[in-house]
C-alpha atoms as a PDB file:
ATOM      1  CA  MET A   1      -6.151  19.931 -16.998  1.00  0.00           C
ATOM      2  CA  ARG A   2      -3.013  17.827 -17.490  1.00  0.00           C
ATOM      3  CA  ILE A   3      -2.433  15.033 -14.967  1.00  0.00           C
ATOM      4  CA  LEU A   4       0.561  12.736 -14.713  1.00  0.00           C
ATOM      5  CA  VAL A   5      -0.253   9.440 -12.979  1.00  0.00           C
ATOM      6  CA  THR A   6       2.313   7.083 -11.501  1.00  0.00           C
ATOM      7  CA  GLY A   7       1.530   3.501 -12.422  1.00  0.00           C
ATOM      8  CA  ARG A   8       0.207   2.403 -15.785  1.00  0.00           C
ATOM      9  CA  GLU A   9      -1.613  -0.849 -15.074  1.00  0.00           C
ATOM     10  CA  GLY A  10      -3.309  -0.046 -11.771  1.00  0.00           C
ATOM     11  CA  GLN A  11      -7.067   0.059 -11.363  1.00  0.00           C
ATOM     12  CA  VAL A  12      -7.215   3.780 -10.555  1.00  0.00           C
ATOM     13  CA  ALA A  13      -4.725   4.709 -13.273  1.00  0.00           C
ATOM     14  CA  LYS A  14      -6.862   2.939 -15.868  1.00  0.00           C
ATOM     15  CA  ALA A  15      -9.992   4.623 -14.519  1.00  0.00           C
ATOM     16  CA  LEU A  16      -8.353   8.046 -14.884  1.00  0.00           C
ATOM     17  CA  LEU A  17      -7.298   7.191 -18.436  1.00  0.00           C
ATOM     18  CA  ALA A  18     -10.896   6.210 -19.214  1.00  0.00           C
ATOM     19  CA  ARG A  19     -12.115   9.564 -17.880  1.00  0.00           C
ATOM     20  CA  ALA A  20      -9.617  11.363 -20.119  1.00  0.00           C
ATOM     21  CA  ASP A  21     -10.823   9.379 -23.137  1.00  0.00           C
ATOM     22  CA  ALA A  22     -14.383  10.487 -22.333  1.00  0.00           C
ATOM     23  CA  GLN A  23     -13.501  14.189 -22.059  1.00  0.00           C
ATOM     24  CA  PRO A  24     -10.465  14.804 -24.294  1.00  0.00           C
ATOM     25  CA  GLU A  25     -11.103  18.539 -24.629  1.00  0.00           C
ATOM     26  CA  THR A  26     -10.770  19.232 -20.897  1.00  0.00           C
ATOM     27  CA  LEU A  27      -8.648  16.413 -19.475  1.00  0.00           C
ATOM     28  CA  ILE A  28      -5.323  14.955 -20.574  1.00  0.00           C
ATOM     29  CA  VAL A  29      -3.940  12.065 -18.521  1.00  0.00           C
ATOM     30  CA  LEU A  30      -0.594  10.365 -18.956  1.00  0.00           C
ATOM     31  CA  ALA A  31      -0.055   7.222 -16.870  1.00  0.00           C
ATOM     32  CA  LEU A  32       3.510   5.941 -16.716  1.00  0.00           C
ATOM     33  CA  GLY A  33       5.050   2.888 -15.104  1.00  0.00           C
ATOM     34  CA  ARG A  34       8.448   1.274 -15.122  1.00  0.00           C
ATOM     35  CA  PRO A  35      10.861   1.771 -16.778  1.00  0.00           C
ATOM     36  CA  GLU A  36       9.688   5.209 -17.942  1.00  0.00           C
ATOM     37  CA  LEU A  37       8.687   6.162 -14.396  1.00  0.00           C
ATOM     38  CA  ASP A  38      10.085   4.232 -11.459  1.00  0.00           C
ATOM     39  CA  LEU A  39       9.054   5.410  -7.990  1.00  0.00           C
ATOM     40  CA  THR A  40      12.333   4.179  -6.559  1.00  0.00           C
ATOM     41  CA  ASP A  41      14.249   6.467  -8.971  1.00  0.00           C
ATOM     42  CA  ARG A  42      13.467  10.136  -8.345  1.00  0.00           C
ATOM     43  CA  THR A  43      15.335  11.134 -11.498  1.00  0.00           C
ATOM     44  CA  SER A  44      12.874   9.176 -13.633  1.00  0.00           C
ATOM     45  CA  ILE A  45       9.950  10.988 -12.001  1.00  0.00           C
ATOM     46  CA  THR A  46      11.600  14.369 -12.545  1.00  0.00           C
ATOM     47  CA  ARG A  47      12.242  13.455 -16.171  1.00  0.00           C
ATOM     48  CA  ALA A  48       8.624  12.378 -16.691  1.00  0.00           C
ATOM     49  CA  ILE A  49       7.319  15.620 -15.198  1.00  0.00           C
ATOM     50  CA  ALA A  50       9.654  17.694 -17.375  1.00  0.00           C
ATOM     51  CA  GLY A  51       8.597  15.819 -20.502  1.00  0.00           C
ATOM     52  CA  PHE A  52       4.846  16.103 -19.917  1.00  0.00           C
ATOM     53  CA  SER A  53       4.520  19.405 -18.006  1.00  0.00           C
ATOM     54  CA  PRO A  54       1.499  18.333 -15.916  1.00  0.00           C
ATOM     55  CA  ASP A  55      -0.591  20.625 -13.767  1.00  0.00           C
ATOM     56  CA  LEU A  56      -0.697  17.972 -11.060  1.00  0.00           C
ATOM     57  CA  LEU A  57       0.775  14.593 -10.115  1.00  0.00           C
ATOM     58  CA  VAL A  58      -1.359  11.668  -8.919  1.00  0.00           C
ATOM     59  CA  ASN A  59       0.576   8.952  -7.108  1.00  0.00           C
ATOM     60  CA  ALA A  60      -1.561   5.882  -7.716  1.00  0.00           C
ATOM     61  CA  ALA A  61       1.286   3.361  -7.900  1.00  0.00           C
ATOM     62  CA  ALA A  62       1.977   1.195  -4.870  1.00  0.00           C
ATOM     63  CA  TYR A  63       3.160  -2.164  -3.619  1.00  0.00           C
ATOM     64  CA  THR A  64      -0.269  -3.678  -2.873  1.00  0.00           C
ATOM     65  CA  THR A  65       0.342  -7.397  -2.320  1.00  0.00           C
ATOM     66  CA  VAL A  66      -0.705  -7.329   1.330  1.00  0.00           C
ATOM     67  CA  ASP A  67       0.281 -10.861   2.329  1.00  0.00           C
ATOM     68  CA  LYS A  68       3.499 -10.949   0.318  1.00  0.00           C
ATOM     69  CA  ALA A  69       4.596  -7.713   1.994  1.00  0.00           C
ATOM     70  CA  GLU A  70       5.044  -9.625   5.245  1.00  0.00           C
ATOM     71  CA  SER A  71       8.055 -11.384   3.725  1.00  0.00           C
ATOM     72  CA  GLU A  72       9.106  -8.531   1.411  1.00  0.00           C
ATOM     73  CA  GLN A  73       9.240  -5.605   3.825  1.00  0.00           C
ATOM     74  CA  ASP A  74      12.116  -3.852   2.063  1.00  0.00           C
ATOM     75  CA  ALA A  75      10.318  -3.952  -1.280  1.00  0.00           C
ATOM     76  CA  ALA A  76       7.068  -2.650   0.225  1.00  0.00           C
ATOM     77  CA  PHE A  77       8.784   0.260   1.964  1.00  0.00           C
ATOM     78  CA  ALA A  78      10.909   1.052  -1.093  1.00  0.00           C
ATOM     79  CA  VAL A  79       7.768   1.743  -3.123  1.00  0.00           C
ATOM     80  CA  ASN A  80       5.155   2.786  -0.573  1.00  0.00           C
ATOM     81  CA  ARG A  81       7.363   4.988   1.611  1.00  0.00           C
ATOM     82  CA  ASP A  82      10.459   5.982  -0.353  1.00  0.00           C
ATOM     83  CA  GLY A  83       8.687   6.006  -3.703  1.00  0.00           C
ATOM     84  CA  ALA A  84       5.862   8.154  -2.379  1.00  0.00           C
ATOM     85  CA  GLY A  85       8.422  10.578  -0.970  1.00  0.00           C
ATOM     86  CA  ASN A  86      10.264  10.661  -4.288  1.00  0.00           C
ATOM     87  CA  ALA A  87       7.054  11.463  -6.165  1.00  0.00           C
ATOM     88  CA  ALA A  88       6.116  14.223  -3.740  1.00  0.00           C
ATOM     89  CA  ALA A  89       9.595  15.750  -3.828  1.00  0.00           C
ATOM     90  CA  ALA A  90       9.732  15.712  -7.622  1.00  0.00           C
ATOM     91  CA  ALA A  91       6.317  17.387  -7.767  1.00  0.00           C
ATOM     92  CA  ALA A  92       7.426  19.999  -5.242  1.00  0.00           C
ATOM     93  CA  ALA A  93      10.554  20.756  -7.264  1.00  0.00           C
ATOM     94  CA  ALA A  94       8.363  21.305 -10.322  1.00  0.00           C
ATOM     95  CA  GLY A  95       6.007  23.546  -8.351  1.00  0.00           C
ATOM     96  CA  ILE A  96       2.953  21.303  -8.749  1.00  0.00           C
ATOM     97  CA  PRO A  97       0.668  19.629  -6.183  1.00  0.00           C
ATOM     98  CA  ILE A  98       0.435  15.910  -5.563  1.00  0.00           C
ATOM     99  CA  ILE A  99      -2.599  13.745  -4.849  1.00  0.00           C
ATOM    100  CA  HIS A 100      -1.469  10.579  -3.079  1.00  0.00           C
ATOM    101  CA  LEU A 101      -3.619   7.483  -2.625  1.00  0.00           C
ATOM    102  CA  SER A 102      -3.517   5.691   0.721  1.00  0.00           C
ATOM    103  CA  THR A 103      -5.551   3.041   2.485  1.00  0.00           C
ATOM    104  CA  ASP A 104      -7.757   1.992   5.380  1.00  0.00           C
ATOM    105  CA  TYR A 105      -4.937  -0.371   6.401  1.00  0.00           C
ATOM    106  CA  VAL A 106      -3.240   2.487   8.279  1.00  0.00           C
ATOM    107  CA  PHE A 107      -5.775   1.755  11.077  1.00  0.00           C
ATOM    108  CA  ASP A 108      -5.891  -1.228  13.415  1.00  0.00           C
ATOM    109  CA  GLY A 109      -9.609  -1.754  12.793  1.00  0.00           C
ATOM    110  CA  ASP A 110     -10.710  -1.480  16.422  1.00  0.00           C
ATOM    111  CA  GLY A 111     -14.153  -0.145  17.314  1.00  0.00           C
ATOM    112  CA  ASP A 112     -17.407   0.020  15.407  1.00  0.00           C
ATOM    113  CA  ALA A 113     -17.469   3.681  14.349  1.00  0.00           C
ATOM    114  CA  PRO A 114     -16.048   4.919  11.040  1.00  0.00           C
ATOM    115  CA  HIS A 115     -12.479   6.163  11.404  1.00  0.00           C
ATOM    116  CA  ARG A 116     -11.908   9.898  11.101  1.00  0.00           C
ATOM    117  CA  GLU A 117      -8.785  11.455   9.634  1.00  0.00           C
ATOM    118  CA  ASP A 118      -7.460  12.512  13.035  1.00  0.00           C
ATOM    119  CA  ASP A 119      -8.030   9.149  14.730  1.00  0.00           C
ATOM    120  CA  ALA A 120      -4.945   7.326  15.981  1.00  0.00           C
ATOM    121  CA  THR A 121      -3.401   5.034  13.388  1.00  0.00           C
ATOM    122  CA  GLY A 122      -2.053   1.580  14.139  1.00  0.00           C
ATOM    123  CA  PRO A 123      -1.308  -0.607  11.113  1.00  0.00           C
ATOM    124  CA  LEU A 124      -1.513  -4.362  11.701  1.00  0.00           C
ATOM    125  CA  GLY A 125       1.040  -5.390   9.089  1.00  0.00           C
ATOM    126  CA  VAL A 126       3.887  -4.371   6.821  1.00  0.00           C
ATOM    127  CA  TYR A 127       1.648  -3.106   4.030  1.00  0.00           C
ATOM    128  CA  GLY A 128      -0.234  -0.744   6.340  1.00  0.00           C
ATOM    129  CA  ARG A 129       2.962   0.444   7.999  1.00  0.00           C
ATOM    130  CA  SER A 130       4.580   1.146   4.635  1.00  0.00           C
ATOM    131  CA  LYS A 131       1.545   3.101   3.443  1.00  0.00           C
ATOM    132  CA  LEU A 132       1.430   5.145   6.656  1.00  0.00           C
ATOM    133  CA  ALA A 133       5.139   5.887   6.251  1.00  0.00           C
ATOM    134  CA  GLY A 134       4.353   6.966   2.695  1.00  0.00           C
ATOM    135  CA  GLU A 135       1.779   9.450   3.947  1.00  0.00           C
ATOM    136  CA  ASN A 136       4.400  10.953   6.242  1.00  0.00           C
ATOM    137  CA  ALA A 137       6.947  11.088   3.421  1.00  0.00           C
ATOM    138  CA  VAL A 138       4.509  12.908   1.133  1.00  0.00           C
ATOM    139  CA  ARG A 139       3.610  15.349   3.885  1.00  0.00           C
ATOM    140  CA  ALA A 140       7.271  16.121   4.554  1.00  0.00           C
ATOM    141  CA  ALA A 141       8.290  16.487   0.892  1.00  0.00           C
ATOM    142  CA  ASN A 142       5.504  18.621  -0.575  1.00  0.00           C
ATOM    143  CA  PRO A 143       3.220  20.982   1.371  1.00  0.00           C
ATOM    144  CA  ALA A 144       0.873  21.095  -1.632  1.00  0.00           C
ATOM    145  CA  HIS A 145      -0.560  17.633  -1.066  1.00  0.00           C
ATOM    146  CA  ALA A 146      -3.862  15.841  -0.652  1.00  0.00           C
ATOM    147  CA  ILE A 147      -3.693  12.327   0.768  1.00  0.00           C
ATOM    148  CA  LEU A 148      -6.789  10.263  -0.036  1.00  0.00           C
ATOM    149  CA  ARG A 149      -7.431   7.124   1.999  1.00  0.00           C
ATOM    150  CA  THR A 150      -9.764   4.677   0.310  1.00  0.00           C
ATOM    151  CA  SER A 151     -10.682   1.014   0.755  1.00  0.00           C
ATOM    152  CA  TRP A 152     -11.543  -2.296  -0.918  1.00  0.00           C
ATOM    153  CA  VAL A 153     -10.801  -1.066  -4.449  1.00  0.00           C
ATOM    154  CA  TYR A 154     -12.166  -2.999  -7.430  1.00  0.00           C
ATOM    155  CA  ALA A 155     -12.782  -2.450 -11.135  1.00  0.00           C
ATOM    156  CA  PRO A 156     -13.618  -4.351 -14.337  1.00  0.00           C
ATOM    157  CA  TRP A 157      -9.853  -4.634 -14.904  1.00  0.00           C
ATOM    158  CA  GLY A 158      -6.873  -5.786 -12.883  1.00  0.00           C
ATOM    159  CA  ASN A 159      -6.868  -8.299 -10.044  1.00  0.00           C
ATOM    160  CA  ASN A 160      -9.550  -7.665  -7.449  1.00  0.00           C
ATOM    161  CA  PHE A 161     -12.247  -9.234  -5.298  1.00  0.00           C
ATOM    162  CA  ALA A 162     -15.126  -8.700  -7.751  1.00  0.00           C
ATOM    163  CA  LYS A 163     -13.379 -10.478 -10.600  1.00  0.00           C
ATOM    164  CA  THR A 164     -12.192 -13.261  -8.302  1.00  0.00           C
ATOM    165  CA  MET A 165     -15.742 -13.882  -7.064  1.00  0.00           C
ATOM    166  CA  LEU A 166     -17.116 -14.140 -10.592  1.00  0.00           C
ATOM    167  CA  ARG A 167     -14.338 -16.522 -11.560  1.00  0.00           C
ATOM    168  CA  LEU A 168     -15.003 -18.707  -8.518  1.00  0.00           C
ATOM    169  CA  ALA A 169     -18.735 -18.674  -9.240  1.00  0.00           C
ATOM    170  CA  GLY A 170     -17.949 -20.237 -12.596  1.00  0.00           C
ATOM    171  CA  GLU A 171     -16.029 -23.017 -10.882  1.00  0.00           C
ATOM    172  CA  ARG A 172     -18.084 -23.930  -7.795  1.00  0.00           C
ATOM    173  CA  ASP A 173     -21.556 -23.729  -6.284  1.00  0.00           C
ATOM    174  CA  VAL A 174     -20.528 -22.433  -2.848  1.00  0.00           C
ATOM    175  CA  VAL A 175     -17.939 -19.775  -2.022  1.00  0.00           C
ATOM    176  CA  ARG A 176     -16.727 -19.248   1.557  1.00  0.00           C
ATOM    177  CA  VAL A 177     -16.217 -15.548   2.316  1.00  0.00           C
ATOM    178  CA  VAL A 178     -15.208 -13.661   5.465  1.00  0.00           C
ATOM    179  CA  ALA A 179     -18.176 -11.991   7.158  1.00  0.00           C
ATOM    180  CA  ASP A 180     -16.619 -10.250  10.186  1.00  0.00           C
ATOM    181  CA  GLN A 181     -14.614  -7.533   8.416  1.00  0.00           C
ATOM    182  CA  HIS A 182     -16.588  -4.362   7.689  1.00  0.00           C
ATOM    183  CA  GLY A 183     -15.904  -1.664   5.127  1.00  0.00           C
ATOM    184  CA  ALA A 184     -16.928   0.009   1.885  1.00  0.00           C
ATOM    185  CA  PRO A 185     -16.067  -1.574  -1.464  1.00  0.00           C
ATOM    186  CA  THR A 186     -15.020   1.379  -3.622  1.00  0.00           C
ATOM    187  CA  TYR A 187     -15.245   1.329  -7.412  1.00  0.00           C
ATOM    188  CA  ALA A 188     -12.108   2.612  -9.171  1.00  0.00           C
ATOM    189  CA  PRO A 189     -14.032   4.855 -11.629  1.00  0.00           C
ATOM    190  CA  ASP A 190     -15.667   6.536  -8.627  1.00  0.00           C
ATOM    191  CA  ILE A 191     -12.224   7.024  -7.071  1.00  0.00           C
ATOM    192  CA  ALA A 192     -11.120   8.647 -10.332  1.00  0.00           C
ATOM    193  CA  ALA A 193     -14.069  11.034 -10.173  1.00  0.00           C
ATOM    194  CA  GLY A 194     -13.165  11.910  -6.594  1.00  0.00           C
ATOM    195  CA  ILE A 195      -9.545  12.549  -7.561  1.00  0.00           C
ATOM    196  CA  LEU A 196     -10.676  14.923 -10.288  1.00  0.00           C
ATOM    197  CA  ALA A 197     -12.842  16.823  -7.805  1.00  0.00           C
ATOM    198  CA  VAL A 198      -9.772  17.284  -5.601  1.00  0.00           C
ATOM    199  CA  ALA A 199      -7.620  18.259  -8.577  1.00  0.00           C
ATOM    200  CA  GLU A 200     -10.072  20.920  -9.705  1.00  0.00           C
ATOM    201  CA  THR A 201     -10.118  22.496  -6.251  1.00  0.00           C
ATOM    202  CA  ALA A 202      -6.340  22.313  -5.883  1.00  0.00           C
ATOM    203  CA  LEU A 203      -5.740  24.001  -9.222  1.00  0.00           C
ATOM    204  CA  ALA A 204      -8.448  26.613  -8.688  1.00  0.00           C
ATOM    205  CA  GLU A 205      -7.082  27.489  -5.237  1.00  0.00           C
ATOM    206  CA  PRO A 206      -3.322  26.781  -5.505  1.00  0.00           C
ATOM    207  CA  ARG A 207      -2.504  28.735  -2.350  1.00  0.00           C
ATOM    208  CA  GLY A 208      -5.534  27.525  -0.412  1.00  0.00           C
ATOM    209  CA  ALA A 209      -5.109  25.457   2.712  1.00  0.00           C
ATOM    210  CA  GLY A 210      -8.521  23.784   2.817  1.00  0.00           C
ATOM    211  CA  TRP A 211      -7.821  21.151   0.153  1.00  0.00           C
ATOM    212  CA  ARG A 212      -4.499  20.080   1.683  1.00  0.00           C
ATOM    213  CA  GLY A 213      -4.014  17.249   4.144  1.00  0.00           C
ATOM    214  CA  VAL A 214      -5.582  13.843   4.688  1.00  0.00           C
ATOM    215  CA  PHE A 215      -9.086  12.943   3.515  1.00  0.00           C
ATOM    216  CA  HIS A 216     -11.136   9.746   3.613  1.00  0.00           C
ATOM    217  CA  MET A 217     -12.744   8.918   0.282  1.00  0.00           C
ATOM    218  CA  THR A 218     -14.754   5.718   0.004  1.00  0.00           C
ATOM    219  CA  ALA A 219     -18.078   4.614  -1.377  1.00  0.00           C
ATOM    220  CA  ALA A 220     -21.134   5.389   0.723  1.00  0.00           C
ATOM    221  CA  GLY A 221     -22.569   2.693   2.952  1.00  0.00           C
ATOM    222  CA  GLU A 222     -20.893  -0.378   4.354  1.00  0.00           C
ATOM    223  CA  THR A 223     -20.912  -4.148   4.134  1.00  0.00           C
ATOM    224  CA  THR A 224     -18.733  -7.179   4.770  1.00  0.00           C
ATOM    225  CA  TRP A 225     -16.721  -9.172   2.260  1.00  0.00           C
ATOM    226  CA  ALA A 226     -19.502 -11.764   2.349  1.00  0.00           C
ATOM    227  CA  GLY A 227     -22.113  -9.076   1.742  1.00  0.00           C
ATOM    228  CA  PHE A 228     -20.060  -7.738  -1.144  1.00  0.00           C
ATOM    229  CA  ALA A 229     -19.855 -11.223  -2.654  1.00  0.00           C
ATOM    230  CA  GLU A 230     -23.622 -11.695  -2.341  1.00  0.00           C
ATOM    231  CA  ALA A 231     -24.226  -8.385  -4.145  1.00  0.00           C
ATOM    232  CA  ILE A 232     -21.821  -9.374  -6.922  1.00  0.00           C
ATOM    233  CA  PHE A 233     -23.546 -12.724  -7.417  1.00  0.00           C
ATOM    234  CA  ALA A 234     -27.020 -11.164  -7.355  1.00  0.00           C
ATOM    235  CA  ALA A 235     -26.068  -8.625 -10.010  1.00  0.00           C
ATOM    236  CA  SER A 236     -24.448 -11.339 -12.106  1.00  0.00           C
ATOM    237  CA  ALA A 237     -27.382 -13.734 -11.815  1.00  0.00           C
ATOM    238  CA  ALA A 238     -29.774 -10.979 -12.911  1.00  0.00           C
ATOM    239  CA  ARG A 239     -27.793 -10.691 -16.125  1.00  0.00           C
ATOM    240  CA  GLY A 240     -27.326 -14.389 -16.816  1.00  0.00           C
ATOM    241  CA  GLY A 241     -23.811 -14.523 -15.439  1.00  0.00           C
ATOM    242  CA  PRO A 242     -22.205 -16.964 -13.008  1.00  0.00           C
ATOM    243  CA  THR A 243     -23.487 -17.095  -9.457  1.00  0.00           C
ATOM    244  CA  ALA A 244     -22.868 -19.054  -6.279  1.00  0.00           C
ATOM    245  CA  ARG A 245     -24.105 -19.341  -2.719  1.00  0.00           C
ATOM    246  CA  VAL A 246     -22.044 -17.470  -0.149  1.00  0.00           C
ATOM    247  CA  GLU A 247     -21.079 -19.332   3.005  1.00  0.00           C
ATOM    248  CA  PRO A 248     -20.131 -16.723   5.626  1.00  0.00           C
ATOM    249  CA  ILE A 249     -17.000 -17.528   7.637  1.00  0.00           C
ATOM    250  CA  THR A 250     -14.906 -15.736  10.243  1.00  0.00           C
ATOM    251  CA  THR A 251     -11.448 -14.248   9.831  1.00  0.00           C
ATOM    252  CA  ALA A 252     -10.149 -17.086  12.011  1.00  0.00           C
ATOM    253  CA  ASP A 253     -11.521 -19.570   9.470  1.00  0.00           C
ATOM    254  CA  TYR A 254      -9.404 -17.991   6.726  1.00  0.00           C
ATOM    255  CA  PRO A 255      -5.929 -17.295   8.163  1.00  0.00           C
ATOM    256  CA  THR A 256      -3.596 -15.112   6.107  1.00  0.00           C
ATOM    257  CA  PRO A 257       0.031 -14.012   6.609  1.00  0.00           C
ATOM    258  CA  ALA A 258      -1.116 -10.402   7.156  1.00  0.00           C
ATOM    259  CA  ARG A 259      -3.848  -9.413   9.598  1.00  0.00           C
ATOM    260  CA  ARG A 260      -6.735  -7.382   8.179  1.00  0.00           C
ATOM    261  CA  PRO A 261      -8.600  -4.604  10.015  1.00  0.00           C
ATOM    262  CA  ALA A 262     -11.983  -5.806  11.279  1.00  0.00           C
ATOM    263  CA  ASN A 263     -13.317  -2.265  10.970  1.00  0.00           C
ATOM    264  CA  SER A 264     -12.325  -0.580   7.712  1.00  0.00           C
ATOM    265  CA  ARG A 265     -15.145   1.964   7.816  1.00  0.00           C
ATOM    266  CA  LEU A 266     -13.939   5.497   6.988  1.00  0.00           C
ATOM    267  CA  ASP A 267     -15.783   8.736   7.753  1.00  0.00           C
ATOM    268  CA  ASN A 268     -16.041  10.704   4.501  1.00  0.00           C
ATOM    269  CA  SER A 269     -17.625  13.881   5.876  1.00  0.00           C
ATOM    270  CA  ARG A 270     -14.476  16.017   5.642  1.00  0.00           C
ATOM    271  CA  PHE A 271     -13.945  15.056   2.005  1.00  0.00           C
ATOM    272  CA  GLN A 272     -17.566  15.730   1.121  1.00  0.00           C
ATOM    273  CA  SER A 273     -17.697  19.142   2.788  1.00  0.00           C
ATOM    274  CA  THR A 274     -14.343  20.256   1.378  1.00  0.00           C
ATOM    275  CA  PHE A 275     -14.852  19.217  -2.230  1.00  0.00           C
ATOM    276  CA  ALA A 276     -18.673  19.198  -2.485  1.00  0.00           C
ATOM    277  CA  HIS A 277     -18.431  15.667  -3.824  1.00  0.00           C
ATOM    278  CA  ALA A 278     -19.653  12.317  -2.523  1.00  0.00           C
ATOM    279  CA  LEU A 279     -18.932   8.890  -3.950  1.00  0.00           C
ATOM    280  CA  PRO A 280     -21.993   6.752  -4.775  1.00  0.00           C
ATOM    281  CA  ASN A 281     -23.165   3.883  -2.595  1.00  0.00           C
ATOM    282  CA  TRP A 282     -21.071   0.729  -2.856  1.00  0.00           C
ATOM    283  CA  ARG A 283     -24.043  -1.185  -4.284  1.00  0.00           C
ATOM    284  CA  ASP A 284     -24.227   1.255  -7.192  1.00  0.00           C
ATOM    285  CA  GLY A 285     -20.579   0.667  -8.029  1.00  0.00           C
ATOM    286  CA  THR A 286     -21.036  -3.087  -7.755  1.00  0.00           C
ATOM    287  CA  GLU A 287     -23.904  -3.018 -10.239  1.00  0.00           C
ATOM    288  CA  ARG A 288     -21.937  -0.935 -12.736  1.00  0.00           C
ATOM    289  CA  CYS A 289     -18.880  -3.160 -12.456  1.00  0.00           C
ATOM    290  CA  VAL A 290     -20.871  -6.350 -12.997  1.00  0.00           C
ATOM    291  CA  VAL A 291     -22.696  -4.789 -15.949  1.00  0.00           C
ATOM    292  CA  GLU A 292     -19.338  -3.976 -17.492  1.00  0.00           C
ATOM    293  CA  LEU A 293     -18.055  -7.506 -16.939  1.00  0.00           C
ATOM    294  CA  ILE A 294     -21.186  -9.529 -17.697  1.00  0.00           C
ATOM    295  CA  SER A 295     -23.735  -7.665 -19.803  1.00  0.00           C
ATOM    296  CA  THR A 296     -21.398  -5.949 -22.263  1.00  0.00           C
ATOM    297  CA  GLY A 297     -18.932  -8.792 -22.441  1.00  0.00           C
ATOM    298  CA  LYS A 298     -16.017  -6.367 -22.206  1.00  0.00           C
ATOM    299  CA  ARG A 299     -12.729  -7.435 -20.706  1.00  0.00           C
ATOM    300  CA  PRO A 300     -10.687  -4.223 -20.319  1.00  0.00           C
ATOM    301  CA  ASP A 301      -7.618  -6.199 -19.147  1.00  0.00           C
END
């Protein structure tokens, strides 16, 4: 299986590259970023597809700076809406499917139940609106699409909550973390495994309808940002790494330019039944990430 991935430095792109390194006889992944592949330039995407001849395109690149998007709306929409549409259209022209990554931020976060794919959306900020517009652009440009909404992504590389917490634990004894936002921290290598499950089904059933559409794909279970931080520190302390005490705070105590959904829970049942694949519990991913960062001493950045 040959997969072209948009974005070279992203957490999911690197996780897919790691999977390809682990199974070189069955999986070839090429991850490209600017200038070789620029989502805002459809010609560059078409050229990359022609040069690599992939079986499938994964759009993992995005404008992800949530707070900065509030003051850079044009930039966010250029990548997350127009760029997603460009990627989908280029894939359609080449006759290949696209797997597009989206986010829990397309919802307003109301209620206590996990959001289902057909629930009403209602983004709270520019980032969420641009990602929702991207979903619509992908849907319109390429009927052979799977849109995967995930949440709270982290990895042993890149900039993310897990690495920030460990850095802060090395600098202070107490870390204040929001405790009234609920969701599922999702480990990038587990997202990569989920993407491959979708890709296998899409390529095995190219004319099938069941694998197409929107799916929620997050780690099992749920927690808060404070609960996630506590799990990170516990795993680190068990391995002689930095740790700190978590002081739970409310969203109001930590104002940000962009509002965050209070309820980022996503119902994964449709994904699991369609692809016969379930992502591990968020605690499992947390342990593996901390082991990678602390016990082995690796710094994949």
